[in-house]
Amino acid sequence: MNQQRSMQFLQIALSHLPEAKELLEQSGIELDMEKVQPVMELLMKVMNDAYELGKKEAFQEQN
Protein backbone atom coordinates (compact mmCIF):
# COMPACT_ATOMS: atom_id res chain seq x y z
CA MET A 1 0.00 0.00 0.00
CA ASN A 2 1.23 3.49 -0.83
CA GLN A 3 2.82 5.02 2.31
CA GLN A 4 1.29 8.47 1.78
CA ARG A 5 -2.18 7.05 1.12
CA SER A 6 -1.80 4.80 4.15
CA MET A 7 -1.08 7.84 6.33
CA GLN A 8 -4.11 9.65 4.90
CA PHE A 9 -6.30 6.63 5.67
CA LEU A 10 -4.91 6.50 9.20
CA GLN A 11 -5.71 10.19 9.73
CA ILE A 12 -9.26 9.64 8.47
CA ALA A 13 -9.74 6.62 10.74
CA LEU A 14 -8.34 8.45 13.76
CA SER A 15 -10.68 11.38 13.15
CA HIS A 16 -13.62 8.97 13.62
CA LEU A 17 -12.11 7.13 16.59
CA PRO A 18 -13.91 9.19 19.28
CA GLU A 19 -17.29 8.36 17.71
CA ALA A 20 -16.40 4.66 17.46
CA LYS A 21 -15.18 4.67 21.06
CA GLU A 22 -18.45 6.18 22.24
CA LEU A 23 -20.54 3.66 20.30
CA LEU A 24 -18.56 0.74 21.66
CA GLU A 25 -18.66 2.00 25.23
CA GLN A 26 -22.44 2.41 24.98
CA SER A 27 -22.52 -1.28 24.10
CA GLY A 28 -20.38 -2.15 27.12
CA ILE A 29 -17.12 -2.64 25.19
CA GLU A 30 -14.14 -0.80 26.59
CA LEU A 31 -11.74 0.45 23.93
CA ASP A 32 -7.99 0.59 24.50
CA MET A 33 -5.07 1.00 22.10
CA GLU A 34 -4.18 -2.70 22.29
CA LYS A 35 -7.64 -3.59 20.99
CA VAL A 36 -7.68 -0.76 18.46
CA GLN A 37 -4.53 -1.78 16.55
CA PRO A 38 -5.87 -4.89 14.76
CA VAL A 39 -9.16 -3.15 13.98
CA MET A 40 -7.30 -0.15 12.52
CA GLU A 41 -5.20 -2.47 10.34
CA LEU A 42 -8.35 -4.15 9.05
CA LEU A 43 -10.02 -0.80 8.44
CA MET A 44 -6.99 0.40 6.48
CA LYS A 45 -7.17 -2.72 4.27
CA VAL A 46 -10.86 -2.04 3.63
CA MET A 47 -10.17 1.61 2.82
CA ASN A 48 -7.36 0.62 0.42
CA ASP A 49 -9.62 -1.91 -1.34
CA ALA A 50 -12.33 0.75 -1.69
CA TYR A 51 -9.76 3.21 -3.07
CA GLU A 52 -8.50 0.67 -5.62
CA LEU A 53 -12.08 -0.14 -6.68
CA GLY A 54 -12.85 3.55 -7.20
CA LYS A 55 -9.61 4.01 -9.10
CA LYS A 56 -10.43 1.03 -11.35
CA GLU A 57 -13.96 2.31 -12.02
CA ALA A 58 -12.68 5.82 -12.82
CA PHE A 59 -10.15 4.34 -15.26
CA GLN A 60 -12.87 2.27 -16.95
CA GLU A 61 -15.11 5.33 -17.31
CA GLN A 62 -12.29 7.25 -19.00
CA ASN A 63 -11.79 4.54 -21.62
C-alpha atoms as a PDB file:
ATOM      1  CA  MET A   1       0.000   0.000   0.000  1.00  0.00           C
ATOM      2  CA  ASN A   2       1.229   3.488  -0.827  1.00  0.00           C
ATOM      3  CA  GLN A   3       2.824   5.019   2.308  1.00  0.00           C
ATOM      4  CA  GLN A   4       1.286   8.471   1.784  1.00  0.00           C
ATOM      5  CA  ARG A   5      -2.177   7.054   1.122  1.00  0.00           C
ATOM      6  CA  SER A   6      -1.801   4.802   4.153  1.00  0.00           C
ATOM      7  CA  MET A   7      -1.078   7.842   6.331  1.00  0.00           C
ATOM      8  CA  GLN A   8      -4.113   9.651   4.903  1.00  0.00           C
ATOM      9  CA  PHE A   9      -6.303   6.631   5.674  1.00  0.00           C
ATOM     10  CA  LEU A  10      -4.912   6.500   9.200  1.00  0.00           C
ATOM     11  CA  GLN A  11      -5.711  10.191   9.729  1.00  0.00           C
ATOM     12  CA  ILE A  12      -9.263   9.638   8.474  1.00  0.00           C
ATOM     13  CA  ALA A  13      -9.737   6.622  10.743  1.00  0.00           C
ATOM     14  CA  LEU A  14      -8.341   8.454  13.756  1.00  0.00           C
ATOM     15  CA  SER A  15     -10.679  11.376  13.147  1.00  0.00           C
ATOM     16  CA  HIS A  16     -13.619   8.969  13.618  1.00  0.00           C
ATOM     17  CA  LEU A  17     -12.113   7.127  16.586  1.00  0.00           C
ATOM     18  CA  PRO A  18     -13.915   9.192  19.275  1.00  0.00           C
ATOM     19  CA  GLU A  19     -17.291   8.363  17.708  1.00  0.00           C
ATOM     20  CA  ALA A  20     -16.396   4.665  17.455  1.00  0.00           C
ATOM     21  CA  LYS A  21     -15.181   4.667  21.059  1.00  0.00           C
ATOM     22  CA  GLU A  22     -18.447   6.182  22.243  1.00  0.00           C
ATOM     23  CA  LEU A  23     -20.540   3.663  20.304  1.00  0.00           C
ATOM     24  CA  LEU A  24     -18.557   0.742  21.663  1.00  0.00           C
ATOM     25  CA  GLU A  25     -18.665   2.004  25.230  1.00  0.00           C
ATOM     26  CA  GLN A  26     -22.442   2.413  24.978  1.00  0.00           C
ATOM     27  CA  SER A  27     -22.515  -1.285  24.100  1.00  0.00           C
ATOM     28  CA  GLY A  28     -20.381  -2.153  27.115  1.00  0.00           C
ATOM     29  CA  ILE A  29     -17.120  -2.645  25.186  1.00  0.00           C
ATOM     30  CA  GLU A  30     -14.140  -0.798  26.593  1.00  0.00           C
ATOM     31  CA  LEU A  31     -11.737   0.447  23.933  1.00  0.00           C
ATOM     32  CA  ASP A  32      -7.993   0.588  24.498  1.00  0.00           C
ATOM     33  CA  MET A  33      -5.066   0.996  22.096  1.00  0.00           C
ATOM     34  CA  GLU A  34      -4.180  -2.698  22.291  1.00  0.00           C
ATOM     35  CA  LYS A  35      -7.639  -3.593  20.987  1.00  0.00           C
ATOM     36  CA  VAL A  36      -7.681  -0.760  18.455  1.00  0.00           C
ATOM     37  CA  GLN A  37      -4.529  -1.777  16.548  1.00  0.00           C
ATOM     38  CA  PRO A  38      -5.869  -4.893  14.757  1.00  0.00           C
ATOM     39  CA  VAL A  39      -9.157  -3.146  13.978  1.00  0.00           C
ATOM     40  CA  MET A  40      -7.298  -0.149  12.522  1.00  0.00           C
ATOM     41  CA  GLU A  41      -5.198  -2.472  10.345  1.00  0.00           C
ATOM     42  CA  LEU A  42      -8.350  -4.154   9.046  1.00  0.00           C
ATOM     43  CA  LEU A  43     -10.025  -0.803   8.437  1.00  0.00           C
ATOM     44  CA  MET A  44      -6.995   0.404   6.480  1.00  0.00           C
ATOM     45  CA  LYS A  45      -7.173  -2.718   4.274  1.00  0.00           C
ATOM     46  CA  VAL A  46     -10.861  -2.039   3.634  1.00  0.00           C
ATOM     47  CA  MET A  47     -10.174   1.610   2.821  1.00  0.00           C
ATOM     48  CA  ASN A  48      -7.364   0.617   0.420  1.00  0.00           C
ATOM     49  CA  ASP A  49      -9.616  -1.909  -1.339  1.00  0.00           C
ATOM     50  CA  ALA A  50     -12.329   0.752  -1.687  1.00  0.00           C
ATOM     51  CA  TYR A  51      -9.762   3.211  -3.066  1.00  0.00           C
ATOM     52  CA  GLU A  52      -8.497   0.669  -5.621  1.00  0.00           C
ATOM     53  CA  LEU A  53     -12.076  -0.137  -6.680  1.00  0.00           C
ATOM     54  CA  GLY A  54     -12.851   3.551  -7.197  1.00  0.00           C
ATOM     55  CA  LYS A  55      -9.608   4.011  -9.105  1.00  0.00           C
ATOM     56  CA  LYS A  56     -10.432   1.032 -11.352  1.00  0.00           C
ATOM     57  CA  GLU A  57     -13.955   2.313 -12.025  1.00  0.00           C
ATOM     58  CA  ALA A  58     -12.678   5.820 -12.819  1.00  0.00           C
ATOM     59  CA  PHE A  59     -10.152   4.342 -15.265  1.00  0.00           C
ATOM     60  CA  GLN A  60     -12.868   2.266 -16.946  1.00  0.00           C
ATOM     61  CA  GLU A  61     -15.113   5.334 -17.313  1.00  0.00           C
ATOM     62  CA  GLN A  62     -12.291   7.251 -18.998  1.00  0.00           C
ATOM     63  CA  ASN A  63     -11.786   4.535 -21.617  1.00  0.00           C
END
